[in-house]
Amino acid sequence: MTDILGALIVLLDKMPVIPAGFLAALAGLLVSHERKKRLDLERRHEQLRKDFDEFINEILQKKSSQSEKKEV
């Protein structure tokens, strides 16, 4: 994506007049890309949170089962 943006910047630099529609399309592309990145990060964060909660629950279950064995 950054290669494409770099090429577009070079192209825009060489154009004497930049069509408004082109700028609007470029802005839409950038917004869409950033939104997708943010959603991907949110999904990964949520998955990490679930995995961490499962890990903590496993540890707590093992500790509780060990303490029950010691009492018996």
C-alpha atoms as a PDB file:
ATOM      1  CA  MET A   1       0.000   0.000   0.000  1.00  0.00           C
ATOM      2  CA  THR A   2       2.824   2.423   0.797  1.00  0.00           C
ATOM      3  CA  ASP A   3       4.433   1.752  -2.596  1.00  0.00           C
ATOM      4  CA  ILE A   4       1.209   2.728  -4.311  1.00  0.00           C
ATOM      5  CA  LEU A   5       0.927   5.879  -2.222  1.00  0.00           C
ATOM      6  CA  GLY A   6       4.524   6.797  -3.000  1.00  0.00           C
ATOM      7  CA  ALA A   7       3.877   6.401  -6.718  1.00  0.00           C
ATOM      8  CA  LEU A   8       0.735   8.518  -6.447  1.00  0.00           C
ATOM      9  CA  ILE A   9       2.620  11.271  -4.642  1.00  0.00           C
ATOM     10  CA  VAL A  10       5.228  11.360  -7.414  1.00  0.00           C
ATOM     11  CA  LEU A  11       2.463  11.430 -10.024  1.00  0.00           C
ATOM     12  CA  LEU A  12       0.590  14.195  -8.222  1.00  0.00           C
ATOM     13  CA  ASP A  13       3.773  16.223  -7.894  1.00  0.00           C
ATOM     14  CA  LYS A  14       4.217  16.194 -11.670  1.00  0.00           C
ATOM     15  CA  MET A  15       0.619  17.130 -12.500  1.00  0.00           C
ATOM     16  CA  PRO A  16      -0.016  20.864 -12.981  1.00  0.00           C
ATOM     17  CA  VAL A  17      -3.702  20.516 -12.024  1.00  0.00           C
ATOM     18  CA  ILE A  18      -5.093  17.760  -9.839  1.00  0.00           C
ATOM     19  CA  PRO A  19      -8.706  16.743 -10.556  1.00  0.00           C
ATOM     20  CA  ALA A  20     -10.948  17.005  -7.501  1.00  0.00           C
ATOM     21  CA  GLY A  21     -12.509  13.621  -8.224  1.00  0.00           C
ATOM     22  CA  PHE A  22      -9.088  12.020  -8.154  1.00  0.00           C
ATOM     23  CA  LEU A  23      -8.340  13.561  -4.768  1.00  0.00           C
ATOM     24  CA  ALA A  24     -11.708  12.454  -3.428  1.00  0.00           C
ATOM     25  CA  ALA A  25     -11.100   8.892  -4.626  1.00  0.00           C
ATOM     26  CA  LEU A  26      -7.632   8.892  -3.079  1.00  0.00           C
ATOM     27  CA  ALA A  27      -8.991  10.201   0.216  1.00  0.00           C
ATOM     28  CA  GLY A  28     -11.676   7.505   0.184  1.00  0.00           C
ATOM     29  CA  LEU A  29      -9.060   4.840  -0.437  1.00  0.00           C
ATOM     30  CA  LEU A  30      -6.935   6.064   2.463  1.00  0.00           C
ATOM     31  CA  VAL A  31      -9.890   6.233   4.838  1.00  0.00           C
ATOM     32  CA  SER A  32     -11.006   2.745   3.831  1.00  0.00           C
ATOM     33  CA  HIS A  33      -7.514   1.349   4.336  1.00  0.00           C
ATOM     34  CA  GLU A  34      -7.145   2.953   7.770  1.00  0.00           C
ATOM     35  CA  ARG A  35     -10.582   1.712   8.838  1.00  0.00           C
ATOM     36  CA  LYS A  36      -9.662  -1.828   7.781  1.00  0.00           C
ATOM     37  CA  LYS A  37      -6.387  -1.652   9.728  1.00  0.00           C
ATOM     38  CA  ARG A  38      -8.212  -0.403  12.827  1.00  0.00           C
ATOM     39  CA  LEU A  39     -10.817  -3.175  12.615  1.00  0.00           C
ATOM     40  CA  ASP A  40      -8.099  -5.804  12.211  1.00  0.00           C
ATOM     41  CA  LEU A  41      -6.311  -4.465  15.291  1.00  0.00           C
ATOM     42  CA  GLU A  42      -9.542  -4.473  17.282  1.00  0.00           C
ATOM     43  CA  ARG A  43     -10.212  -8.101  16.284  1.00  0.00           C
ATOM     44  CA  ARG A  44      -6.694  -9.138  17.273  1.00  0.00           C
ATOM     45  CA  HIS A  45      -6.996  -7.285  20.571  1.00  0.00           C
ATOM     46  CA  GLU A  46     -10.294  -9.002  21.352  1.00  0.00           C
ATOM     47  CA  GLN A  47      -8.821 -12.428  20.485  1.00  0.00           C
ATOM     48  CA  LEU A  48      -5.801 -11.785  22.708  1.00  0.00           C
ATOM     49  CA  ARG A  49      -8.109 -10.755  25.536  1.00  0.00           C
ATOM     50  CA  LYS A  50     -10.135 -13.983  25.154  1.00  0.00           C
ATOM     51  CA  ASP A  51      -6.971 -16.098  25.037  1.00  0.00           C
ATOM     52  CA  PHE A  52      -5.614 -14.370  28.138  1.00  0.00           C
ATOM     53  CA  ASP A  53      -8.901 -14.883  30.012  1.00  0.00           C
ATOM     54  CA  GLU A  54      -8.864 -18.587  29.109  1.00  0.00           C
ATOM     55  CA  PHE A  55      -5.252 -18.876  30.272  1.00  0.00           C
ATOM     56  CA  ILE A  56      -6.030 -17.228  33.615  1.00  0.00           C
ATOM     57  CA  ASN A  57      -9.100 -19.440  34.088  1.00  0.00           C
ATOM     58  CA  GLU A  58      -7.009 -22.566  33.457  1.00  0.00           C
ATOM     59  CA  ILE A  59      -4.465 -21.458  36.049  1.00  0.00           C
ATOM     60  CA  LEU A  60      -7.198 -20.724  38.592  1.00  0.00           C
ATOM     61  CA  GLN A  61      -8.823 -24.113  37.965  1.00  0.00           C
ATOM     62  CA  LYS A  62      -5.506 -25.910  38.434  1.00  0.00           C
ATOM     63  CA  LYS A  63      -4.837 -24.045  41.687  1.00  0.00           C
ATOM     64  CA  SER A  64      -8.300 -24.777  43.007  1.00  0.00           C
ATOM     65  CA  SER A  65      -8.027 -28.468  42.108  1.00  0.00           C
ATOM     66  CA  GLN A  66      -4.592 -28.651  43.776  1.00  0.00           C
ATOM     67  CA  SER A  67      -5.921 -27.038  46.929  1.00  0.00           C
ATOM     68  CA  GLU A  68      -8.839 -29.508  46.958  1.00  0.00           C
ATOM     69  CA  LYS A  69      -6.386 -32.427  46.670  1.00  0.00           C
ATOM     70  CA  LYS A  70      -4.338 -31.089  49.597  1.00  0.00           C
ATOM     71  CA  GLU A  71      -7.445 -30.849  51.795  1.00  0.00           C
ATOM     72  CA  VAL A  72      -8.394 -34.478  51.117  1.00  0.00           C
END
